[in-house]
Amino acid sequence: MSASRDLTQGPVWRGLAAVSAPMSLGILGVLSVGLADAYFLGQLGEEPLAAVGYIYPVTAAITSLSIGLSAGANAAISQAIGRKDGEDAEQRLALHAIAIGVTLATLLAAVFYVASSPLFRLIGAGDAVMEEIEKYIPFWTLSFPVLVLMMLSQATFRAHGDGATAAIVMVASAVINIALTPVFIYGTSVAPELGTGGAALATLIARILGAAAALYWALHTGKLKWCSNILKGFMGSVKTIIKVGGPAALSNAINPAGMAAVTAAVATLGETAVAAFGAATRVQSLAMVPMMALSAGIGPVVGQNWGADKHERAARGLHWALWFCLVYGLAIAALLSIFATPIATLLTDGGNAAEQTALYLRIVGWSFFGYGFVVVTNAAMNARDKAVWSMSLSLGRIFAVYLPGAWLGVTVFDYTGVLIAAVAANILAALAALWMGRRTGLITPHPLPQTTKDAKAA
């Protein structure tokens, strides 16, 4: 059996670190795939690289369905564990989540395939870039339901406090994806040269293998198994999972969907600006890995403790997470300021694209901690059934600040105006996250010391 961790006992920071630390490797692996795609496709020319700049925010928005359903499953299962509802109830919730998720993912993938061409033209993709996008979409569409299956299988492990197993699957899938990407992009004696489409085919194969591994291990370790009265409480499971998963999916979709709209603003400056913006946001995603890992770890910590009526422990977990975001965010900003130029040169074909990428990292990097506040607080609110609050936070950050600011900024200050809007969005959203955390009982006015009971348990 894979390890399960009782997150309602012992020092809160230790439980948070135990789930988050391995997840940082898993998320790093996943995001490295995007960087590898940008690097290998960048060698083919500006059109393939610009195509990825258009594709990434749109596919990330769609992928938010899997993240939202995973959040819903994690909240439901971890709270059931905290309440000690029993193994059968936990198993049914997990199986119901997978059935709901794969069905919804298949429907969404079909809609996206049909609507992809007019959608990308709407946000500014020209004919040459559209040719590259159309090579990518069919393989990626097939891979999406498989991704949802993998994510929901992993959610069962995280709900039990086991971040290591989920991370291993994510890293292994990413390694396979990165290894296959140049093979199918450039072609070999045994593989065709598919260009941009090759990157998506590599993703499809890696996701199939990752989903198979996650599902097998979940069944092998008993985290998933066929239980009696499998349909018992199905509608209740749907209600529980969608209650968190629906708003959480929208919350996670808001950022990449907004980024797609911001990309449209950047596109008014030309394909070079789009390529630079896409490369910079990929570096941003990589820099955010530890904070994204915390968002994966805070969910089961809050969920189990809230389910067990240990609200103070849940609040203490978020307190630790926010302090980490602040310290780490400022440290990574300093490093990006120093190494912005070599990083930008590596991910672009040089020239103006490299300069604009480096400028983004030097300016926006100092606000990354604010976005970390947002993702961590959102995950904590999702885990305690306040997903509408997290959705409102994400909605306000993008549509009240970032998007209008980007269009105004690009009109007045060109590319720099978009960067100013990004900084404003991150800082103002961080302040809103602190206020919402206070209102939902997840942030307290003063640091929370470890209780005597926790000290004895440790």
Protein backbone atom coordinates (compact mmCIF):
# COMPACT_ATOMS: atom_id res chain seq x y z
CA MET A 1 0.00 0.00 0.00
CA SER A 2 1.23 3.54 -0.73
CA ALA A 3 1.66 5.81 2.25
CA SER A 4 -1.31 7.74 3.60
CA ARG A 5 -0.75 10.66 5.95
CA ASP A 6 -3.03 11.93 8.69
CA LEU A 7 -2.72 15.69 8.25
CA THR A 8 -4.81 16.40 11.36
CA GLN A 9 -1.92 15.44 13.65
CA GLY A 10 1.59 16.76 14.21
CA PRO A 11 3.09 20.12 13.19
CA VAL A 12 1.08 21.69 10.39
CA TRP A 13 4.14 22.91 8.48
CA ARG A 14 5.52 19.38 8.37
CA GLY A 15 2.34 17.97 6.84
CA LEU A 16 2.21 20.85 4.36
CA ALA A 17 5.84 20.27 3.36
CA ALA A 18 5.32 16.50 3.07
CA VAL A 19 2.63 16.94 0.43
CA SER A 20 4.01 20.06 -1.29
CA ALA A 21 7.70 19.16 -1.62
CA PRO A 22 7.26 16.18 -3.94
CA MET A 23 4.54 18.00 -5.85
CA SER A 24 7.05 20.72 -6.73
CA LEU A 25 8.99 18.15 -8.72
CA GLY A 26 5.82 16.93 -10.40
CA ILE A 27 4.68 20.41 -11.37
CA LEU A 28 8.19 21.30 -12.50
CA GLY A 29 8.09 18.29 -14.79
CA VAL A 30 4.74 19.27 -16.26
CA LEU A 31 5.77 22.87 -16.89
CA SER A 32 9.10 21.78 -18.35
CA VAL A 33 7.10 20.25 -21.18
CA GLY A 34 5.90 23.72 -22.18
CA LEU A 35 9.43 25.08 -22.06
CA ALA A 36 10.71 22.15 -24.13
CA ASP A 37 7.97 22.74 -26.71
CA ALA A 38 8.93 26.42 -26.90
CA TYR A 39 12.62 25.58 -27.25
CA PHE A 40 12.33 22.87 -29.91
CA LEU A 41 9.66 24.69 -31.92
CA GLY A 42 11.62 27.92 -31.63
CA GLN A 43 14.35 26.27 -33.70
CA LEU A 44 11.87 25.91 -36.58
CA GLY A 45 11.23 29.65 -36.83
CA GLU A 46 9.01 32.44 -35.56
CA GLU A 47 5.66 31.01 -36.76
CA PRO A 48 5.86 27.75 -34.76
CA LEU A 49 7.01 29.68 -31.66
CA ALA A 50 4.22 32.24 -32.08
CA ALA A 51 1.75 29.37 -32.54
CA VAL A 52 2.70 28.04 -29.11
CA GLY A 53 2.17 31.55 -27.73
CA TYR A 54 -1.44 31.42 -28.95
CA ILE A 55 -2.03 27.76 -28.08
CA TYR A 56 -0.71 27.78 -24.52
CA PRO A 57 -3.23 30.13 -22.81
CA VAL A 58 -6.19 28.56 -24.63
CA THR A 59 -5.26 24.95 -23.86
CA ALA A 60 -4.38 25.99 -20.29
CA ALA A 61 -7.88 27.42 -19.92
CA ILE A 62 -9.41 24.15 -21.11
CA THR A 63 -7.06 22.14 -18.91
CA SER A 64 -8.54 24.06 -15.98
CA LEU A 65 -11.48 21.67 -16.13
CA SER A 66 -9.15 18.89 -14.97
CA ILE A 67 -7.67 21.13 -12.28
CA GLY A 68 -11.12 22.17 -11.07
CA LEU A 69 -12.48 18.64 -10.96
CA SER A 70 -9.30 17.54 -9.21
CA ALA A 71 -9.87 20.29 -6.62
CA GLY A 72 -13.46 19.17 -6.18
CA ALA A 73 -12.46 15.53 -5.77
CA ASN A 74 -9.65 16.45 -3.38
CA ALA A 75 -11.95 18.59 -1.23
CA ALA A 76 -14.67 15.93 -1.08
CA ILE A 77 -12.34 13.00 -0.38
CA SER A 78 -10.03 14.78 2.08
CA GLN A 79 -12.98 16.09 4.09
CA ALA A 80 -14.48 12.57 4.10
CA ILE A 81 -11.17 11.28 5.45
CA GLY A 82 -11.12 13.99 8.13
CA ARG A 83 -14.69 13.13 9.13
CA LYS A 84 -13.82 9.41 9.03
CA ASP A 85 -16.80 8.58 6.80
CA GLY A 86 -15.35 5.15 6.00
CA GLU A 87 -13.46 3.56 3.12
CA ASP A 88 -16.52 2.75 1.00
CA ALA A 89 -17.67 6.38 1.02
CA GLU A 90 -14.18 7.55 0.01
CA GLN A 91 -13.95 4.96 -2.78
CA ARG A 92 -17.33 5.88 -4.22
CA LEU A 93 -16.44 9.58 -4.23
CA ALA A 94 -13.22 8.83 -6.12
CA LEU A 95 -14.91 6.59 -8.71
CA HIS A 96 -17.75 9.04 -9.20
CA ALA A 97 -15.25 11.87 -9.72
CA ILE A 98 -13.45 9.93 -12.46
CA ALA A 99 -16.69 9.07 -14.24
CA ILE A 100 -17.91 12.67 -14.12
CA GLY A 101 -14.54 14.07 -15.18
CA VAL A 102 -13.87 11.83 -18.17
CA THR A 103 -17.40 12.35 -19.50
CA LEU A 104 -17.17 16.14 -19.27
CA ALA A 105 -13.65 16.16 -20.72
CA THR A 106 -14.69 14.15 -23.76
CA LEU A 107 -17.56 16.53 -24.50
CA LEU A 108 -15.36 19.61 -24.04
CA ALA A 109 -12.62 18.17 -26.24
CA ALA A 110 -15.11 17.62 -29.07
CA VAL A 111 -16.42 21.19 -28.80
CA PHE A 112 -12.88 22.60 -28.76
CA TYR A 113 -11.87 20.63 -31.86
CA VAL A 114 -14.80 22.07 -33.82
CA ALA A 115 -14.38 25.64 -32.54
CA SER A 116 -10.58 25.90 -32.50
CA SER A 117 -10.03 27.53 -35.90
CA PRO A 118 -12.43 30.49 -35.46
CA LEU A 119 -11.32 30.85 -31.85
CA PHE A 120 -7.62 31.31 -32.66
CA ARG A 121 -8.40 33.66 -35.54
CA LEU A 122 -10.52 35.70 -33.15
CA ILE A 123 -7.55 36.29 -30.83
CA GLY A 124 -5.30 37.37 -33.67
CA ALA A 125 -3.60 34.35 -35.27
CA GLY A 126 -2.68 34.99 -38.93
CA ASP A 127 -2.68 32.49 -41.79
CA ALA A 128 0.93 31.31 -41.36
CA VAL A 129 0.51 30.80 -37.61
CA MET A 130 -2.88 29.10 -38.10
CA GLU A 131 -1.22 26.46 -40.29
CA GLU A 132 0.99 25.56 -37.34
CA ILE A 133 -1.87 25.64 -34.84
CA GLU A 134 -3.98 23.29 -37.00
CA LYS A 135 -1.17 20.70 -36.88
CA TYR A 136 -1.22 20.77 -33.09
CA ILE A 137 -4.91 20.73 -32.19
CA PRO A 138 -6.05 17.21 -33.26
CA PHE A 139 -3.46 15.36 -31.15
CA TRP A 140 -3.94 17.66 -28.17
CA THR A 141 -7.72 17.23 -28.31
CA LEU A 142 -7.35 13.44 -28.11
CA SER A 143 -5.03 13.80 -25.13
CA PHE A 144 -7.36 15.92 -23.00
CA PRO A 145 -9.75 13.23 -21.63
CA VAL A 146 -6.68 11.12 -20.85
CA LEU A 147 -5.19 14.02 -18.89
CA VAL A 148 -8.39 14.33 -16.83
CA LEU A 149 -8.26 10.60 -16.01
CA MET A 150 -4.65 10.98 -14.85
CA MET A 151 -5.35 14.10 -12.78
CA LEU A 152 -8.33 12.60 -10.97
CA SER A 153 -6.44 9.38 -10.23
CA GLN A 154 -3.68 11.50 -8.71
CA ALA A 155 -6.19 13.51 -6.67
CA THR A 156 -7.02 10.39 -4.66
CA PHE A 157 -3.40 10.13 -3.56
CA ARG A 158 -3.13 13.81 -2.58
CA ALA A 159 -6.37 13.63 -0.60
CA HIS A 160 -4.73 10.89 1.49
CA GLY A 161 -1.70 13.13 2.09
CA ASP A 162 0.43 11.20 -0.42
CA GLY A 163 1.99 13.77 -2.72
CA ALA A 164 4.95 11.55 -3.65
CA THR A 165 3.02 9.09 -5.80
CA ALA A 166 1.25 11.82 -7.75
CA ALA A 167 4.60 13.58 -8.27
CA ILE A 168 6.30 10.42 -9.56
CA VAL A 169 3.61 9.94 -12.19
CA MET A 170 3.81 13.59 -13.24
CA VAL A 171 7.61 13.55 -13.52
CA ALA A 172 7.69 10.26 -15.42
CA SER A 173 5.05 11.47 -17.87
CA ALA A 174 6.94 14.75 -18.39
CA VAL A 175 10.25 12.97 -19.00
CA ILE A 176 8.63 10.76 -21.64
CA ASN A 177 6.97 13.79 -23.22
CA ILE A 178 10.19 15.81 -23.42
CA ALA A 179 12.13 12.83 -24.79
CA LEU A 180 9.58 12.22 -27.55
CA THR A 181 9.06 15.88 -28.50
CA PRO A 182 12.18 16.36 -30.70
CA VAL A 183 11.69 12.89 -32.17
CA PHE A 184 8.29 13.75 -33.60
CA ILE A 185 9.03 17.42 -34.35
CA TYR A 186 12.16 16.79 -36.40
CA GLY A 187 11.58 13.16 -37.40
CA THR A 188 13.93 10.17 -37.35
CA SER A 189 14.43 7.03 -39.38
CA VAL A 190 11.51 5.44 -37.49
CA ALA A 191 9.30 8.49 -36.87
CA PRO A 192 7.80 11.03 -39.29
CA GLU A 193 8.70 14.72 -39.23
CA LEU A 194 5.52 16.38 -37.92
CA GLY A 195 6.76 19.83 -36.92
CA THR A 196 4.35 21.56 -34.55
CA GLY A 197 2.02 18.56 -34.59
CA GLY A 198 4.87 16.38 -33.31
CA ALA A 199 4.90 18.26 -30.00
CA ALA A 200 1.22 17.44 -29.49
CA LEU A 201 1.67 13.78 -30.46
CA ALA A 202 4.43 13.45 -27.87
CA THR A 203 2.04 14.90 -25.28
CA LEU A 204 -0.69 12.42 -26.24
CA ILE A 205 1.59 9.41 -25.86
CA ALA A 206 3.03 10.62 -22.55
CA ARG A 207 -0.43 11.28 -21.11
CA ILE A 208 -1.69 7.84 -22.09
CA LEU A 209 1.24 6.20 -20.33
CA GLY A 210 0.91 8.49 -17.29
CA ALA A 211 -2.82 7.86 -16.94
CA ALA A 212 -2.33 4.11 -17.22
CA ALA A 213 0.36 4.19 -14.52
CA ALA A 214 -1.68 6.37 -12.15
CA LEU A 215 -4.81 4.27 -12.55
CA TYR A 216 -2.91 1.00 -12.11
CA TRP A 217 -1.17 2.17 -8.95
CA ALA A 218 -4.37 3.62 -7.47
CA LEU A 219 -6.07 0.25 -7.98
CA HIS A 220 -3.04 -1.69 -6.77
CA THR A 221 -2.72 0.29 -3.54
CA GLY A 222 -6.43 0.36 -2.79
CA LYS A 223 -6.91 4.09 -3.24
CA LEU A 224 -9.34 3.11 -5.99
CA LYS A 225 -11.34 -0.10 -6.06
CA TRP A 226 -14.73 -1.32 -7.03
CA CYS A 227 -16.96 -1.04 -3.99
CA SER A 228 -20.41 -2.26 -3.10
CA ASN A 229 -23.41 -0.22 -4.26
CA ILE A 230 -21.27 1.72 -6.71
CA LEU A 231 -24.12 4.05 -7.71
CA LYS A 232 -25.12 4.77 -4.11
CA GLY A 233 -25.06 8.50 -3.49
CA PHE A 234 -23.99 9.27 -7.08
CA MET A 235 -26.09 12.42 -7.36
CA GLY A 236 -24.82 13.51 -3.97
CA SER A 237 -21.25 13.01 -5.23
CA VAL A 238 -22.05 15.02 -8.34
CA LYS A 239 -23.40 17.84 -6.18
CA THR A 240 -20.42 17.73 -3.79
CA ILE A 241 -17.76 17.59 -6.50
CA ILE A 242 -19.37 20.16 -8.80
CA LYS A 243 -20.02 22.51 -5.86
CA VAL A 244 -16.26 22.94 -5.54
CA GLY A 245 -15.11 21.65 -8.93
CA GLY A 246 -17.32 23.93 -11.03
CA PRO A 247 -16.23 27.24 -9.51
CA ALA A 248 -12.66 25.92 -9.12
CA ALA A 249 -12.55 25.02 -12.81
CA LEU A 250 -13.80 28.50 -13.69
CA SER A 251 -11.35 30.02 -11.23
CA ASN A 252 -8.43 28.20 -12.84
CA ALA A 253 -9.75 28.89 -16.34
CA ILE A 254 -10.08 32.60 -15.73
CA ASN A 255 -6.32 33.21 -15.68
CA PRO A 256 -5.38 31.44 -18.93
CA ALA A 257 -8.56 32.66 -20.65
CA GLY A 258 -7.66 36.17 -19.58
CA MET A 259 -4.11 35.56 -20.75
CA ALA A 260 -5.47 34.62 -24.17
CA ALA A 261 -7.27 37.98 -24.25
CA VAL A 262 -4.11 39.74 -23.08
CA THR A 263 -2.22 37.92 -25.84
CA ALA A 264 -4.67 39.48 -28.29
CA ALA A 265 -3.62 42.88 -26.95
CA VAL A 266 0.05 41.95 -27.33
CA ALA A 267 -0.69 40.72 -30.88
CA THR A 268 -1.42 44.30 -31.91
CA LEU A 269 2.35 44.84 -31.60
CA GLY A 270 3.23 41.96 -33.97
CA GLU A 271 4.22 38.28 -33.90
CA THR A 272 7.60 39.04 -32.29
CA ALA A 273 5.88 40.51 -29.24
CA VAL A 274 3.59 37.46 -29.02
CA ALA A 275 6.59 35.12 -29.17
CA ALA A 276 8.35 37.12 -26.43
CA PHE A 277 5.25 37.27 -24.23
CA GLY A 278 4.70 33.52 -24.62
CA ALA A 279 8.32 32.71 -23.75
CA ALA A 280 8.25 35.00 -20.71
CA THR A 281 5.03 33.54 -19.33
CA ARG A 282 6.55 30.06 -19.62
CA VAL A 283 9.48 31.16 -17.49
CA GLN A 284 6.95 32.67 -15.08
CA SER A 285 5.19 29.31 -14.86
CA LEU A 286 8.50 27.63 -14.06
CA ALA A 287 9.33 30.23 -11.40
CA MET A 288 5.90 29.67 -9.84
CA VAL A 289 6.47 25.92 -9.34
CA PRO A 290 7.09 25.96 -5.55
CA MET A 291 4.04 28.19 -5.01
CA MET A 292 1.90 25.97 -7.26
CA ALA A 293 3.14 22.99 -5.25
CA LEU A 294 2.00 24.74 -2.09
CA SER A 295 -1.42 25.21 -3.67
CA ALA A 296 -1.51 21.43 -4.25
CA GLY A 297 -0.38 20.76 -0.68
CA ILE A 298 -2.61 23.24 1.14
CA GLY A 299 -5.76 21.58 -0.25
CA PRO A 300 -5.50 18.27 1.66
CA VAL A 301 -4.14 20.06 4.76
CA VAL A 302 -7.15 22.38 4.90
CA GLY A 303 -9.58 19.69 3.73
CA GLN A 304 -8.65 17.05 6.31
CA ASN A 305 -8.48 19.54 9.17
CA TRP A 306 -11.69 21.32 8.23
CA GLY A 307 -13.44 17.97 7.96
CA ALA A 308 -12.12 17.09 11.42
CA ASP A 309 -13.31 20.49 12.81
CA LYS A 310 -9.72 21.59 13.43
CA HIS A 311 -10.13 25.00 11.87
CA GLU A 312 -7.18 26.58 13.67
CA ARG A 313 -4.80 24.02 12.15
CA ALA A 314 -6.19 24.74 8.69
CA ALA A 315 -5.62 28.48 9.18
CA ARG A 316 -2.10 27.86 10.44
CA GLY A 317 -1.29 25.91 7.29
CA LEU A 318 -2.28 28.83 5.08
CA HIS A 319 -0.28 31.20 7.29
CA TRP A 320 2.89 29.17 6.66
CA ALA A 321 2.16 28.98 2.94
CA LEU A 322 1.74 32.73 2.52
CA TRP A 323 4.99 33.52 4.31
CA PHE A 324 6.78 31.09 2.00
CA CYS A 325 5.26 32.77 -1.06
CA LEU A 326 6.52 36.17 0.08
CA VAL A 327 10.10 35.11 0.84
CA TYR A 328 10.49 32.82 -2.16
CA GLY A 329 8.79 35.26 -4.54
CA LEU A 330 11.18 38.09 -3.72
CA ALA A 331 14.20 35.78 -3.96
CA ILE A 332 13.24 34.45 -7.40
CA ALA A 333 12.56 37.99 -8.61
CA ALA A 334 16.12 38.97 -7.72
CA LEU A 335 17.52 35.98 -9.60
CA LEU A 336 15.39 36.67 -12.69
CA SER A 337 16.54 40.27 -12.72
CA ILE A 338 20.15 39.08 -12.87
CA PHE A 339 19.73 36.26 -15.40
CA ALA A 340 16.89 37.63 -17.55
CA THR A 341 18.99 38.13 -20.69
CA PRO A 342 20.57 34.65 -20.95
CA ILE A 343 17.22 33.01 -20.16
CA ALA A 344 15.47 35.07 -22.84
CA THR A 345 18.16 34.31 -25.41
CA LEU A 346 17.83 30.58 -24.75
CA LEU A 347 14.06 30.56 -25.33
CA THR A 348 13.87 32.83 -28.38
CA ASP A 349 15.72 33.32 -31.65
CA GLY A 350 17.33 36.50 -30.27
CA GLY A 351 16.78 40.11 -31.34
CA ASN A 352 13.69 41.99 -30.21
CA ALA A 353 11.97 38.86 -28.91
CA ALA A 354 14.82 38.24 -26.46
CA GLU A 355 14.82 41.86 -25.31
CA GLN A 356 11.08 41.89 -24.68
CA THR A 357 11.21 38.55 -22.87
CA ALA A 358 13.97 39.82 -20.57
CA LEU A 359 12.05 43.05 -19.88
CA TYR A 360 9.00 41.04 -18.75
CA LEU A 361 11.09 38.98 -16.34
CA ARG A 362 12.80 42.04 -14.83
CA ILE A 363 9.58 43.99 -14.25
CA VAL A 364 6.80 41.47 -13.65
CA GLY A 365 9.05 39.11 -11.66
CA TRP A 366 8.83 41.39 -8.61
CA SER A 367 5.09 40.73 -8.38
CA PHE A 368 5.20 36.93 -8.66
CA PHE A 369 4.77 36.60 -4.89
CA GLY A 370 1.36 38.29 -5.24
CA TYR A 371 0.18 35.71 -7.73
CA GLY A 372 1.45 33.06 -5.31
CA PHE A 373 -0.83 34.54 -2.63
CA VAL A 374 -3.73 34.16 -5.05
CA VAL A 375 -3.19 30.51 -6.05
CA VAL A 376 -2.49 29.34 -2.49
CA THR A 377 -5.44 31.18 -0.96
CA ASN A 378 -7.70 29.97 -3.75
CA ALA A 379 -6.70 26.35 -3.09
CA ALA A 380 -7.34 26.77 0.63
CA MET A 381 -10.77 28.29 0.04
CA ASN A 382 -11.64 25.51 -2.43
CA ALA A 383 -10.72 22.89 0.18
CA ARG A 384 -13.12 24.40 2.70
CA ASP A 385 -16.00 24.68 0.21
CA LYS A 386 -15.58 28.39 -0.55
CA ALA A 387 -14.92 27.94 -4.25
CA VAL A 388 -17.15 30.87 -5.23
CA TRP A 389 -14.83 33.14 -3.25
CA SER A 390 -11.77 31.83 -5.09
CA MET A 391 -13.54 32.23 -8.41
CA SER A 392 -14.36 35.84 -7.53
CA LEU A 393 -10.73 36.52 -6.64
CA SER A 394 -9.47 35.16 -9.96
CA LEU A 395 -12.22 36.92 -11.87
CA GLY A 396 -11.40 40.26 -10.30
CA ARG A 397 -7.66 39.91 -10.90
CA ILE A 398 -8.06 39.27 -14.62
CA PHE A 399 -11.16 41.14 -15.74
CA ALA A 400 -11.17 44.08 -13.33
CA VAL A 401 -7.44 44.82 -13.47
CA TYR A 402 -5.19 42.85 -15.83
CA LEU A 403 -7.22 42.73 -19.05
CA PRO A 404 -8.44 46.34 -19.15
CA GLY A 405 -5.04 47.47 -17.89
CA ALA A 406 -3.26 45.55 -20.65
CA TRP A 407 -5.38 47.04 -23.44
CA LEU A 408 -5.01 50.53 -22.00
CA GLY A 409 -1.31 49.99 -21.39
CA VAL A 410 -0.53 48.67 -24.87
CA THR A 411 -2.29 51.70 -26.33
CA VAL A 412 -0.37 54.23 -24.24
CA PHE A 413 2.99 52.57 -23.46
CA ASP A 414 3.20 49.71 -26.03
CA TYR A 415 4.70 46.49 -24.63
CA THR A 416 5.75 48.05 -21.32
CA GLY A 417 2.13 48.95 -20.63
CA VAL A 418 1.17 45.26 -20.58
CA LEU A 419 3.88 44.59 -18.01
CA ILE A 420 2.67 47.42 -15.76
CA ALA A 421 -0.83 45.94 -15.91
CA ALA A 422 0.51 42.52 -14.89
CA VAL A 423 2.26 43.95 -11.84
CA ALA A 424 -0.83 45.89 -10.77
CA ALA A 425 -3.03 42.80 -11.16
CA ASN A 426 -0.75 40.62 -9.02
CA ILE A 427 -0.30 43.13 -6.19
CA LEU A 428 -3.95 44.16 -5.94
CA ALA A 429 -5.07 40.51 -6.10
CA ALA A 430 -2.67 39.63 -3.28
CA LEU A 431 -4.32 42.25 -1.08
CA ALA A 432 -7.74 40.89 -2.01
CA ALA A 433 -6.57 37.34 -1.19
CA LEU A 434 -5.57 38.42 2.32
CA TRP A 435 -8.95 40.08 2.85
CA MET A 436 -10.87 37.02 1.59
CA GLY A 437 -8.76 34.72 3.72
CA ARG A 438 -9.73 36.75 6.78
CA ARG A 439 -13.42 36.69 5.84
CA THR A 440 -13.46 32.91 5.34
CA GLY A 441 -11.64 32.14 8.60
CA LEU A 442 -8.46 30.93 6.90
CA ILE A 443 -6.24 33.88 7.85
CA THR A 444 -5.96 35.16 11.41
CA PRO A 445 -4.72 38.58 12.56
CA HIS A 446 -1.66 37.14 14.33
CA PRO A 447 0.67 34.19 13.66
CA LEU A 448 -0.75 30.95 14.98
CA PRO A 449 1.58 29.13 17.40
CA GLN A 450 1.60 25.36 17.53
CA THR A 451 -0.88 24.14 20.11
CA THR A 452 0.12 21.97 23.05
CA LYS A 453 -1.92 19.16 21.57
CA ASP A 454 -0.01 19.40 18.30
CA ALA A 455 3.31 19.53 20.08
CA LYS A 456 2.51 16.32 21.96
CA ALA A 457 1.36 14.66 18.72
CA ALA A 458 4.64 15.58 17.01
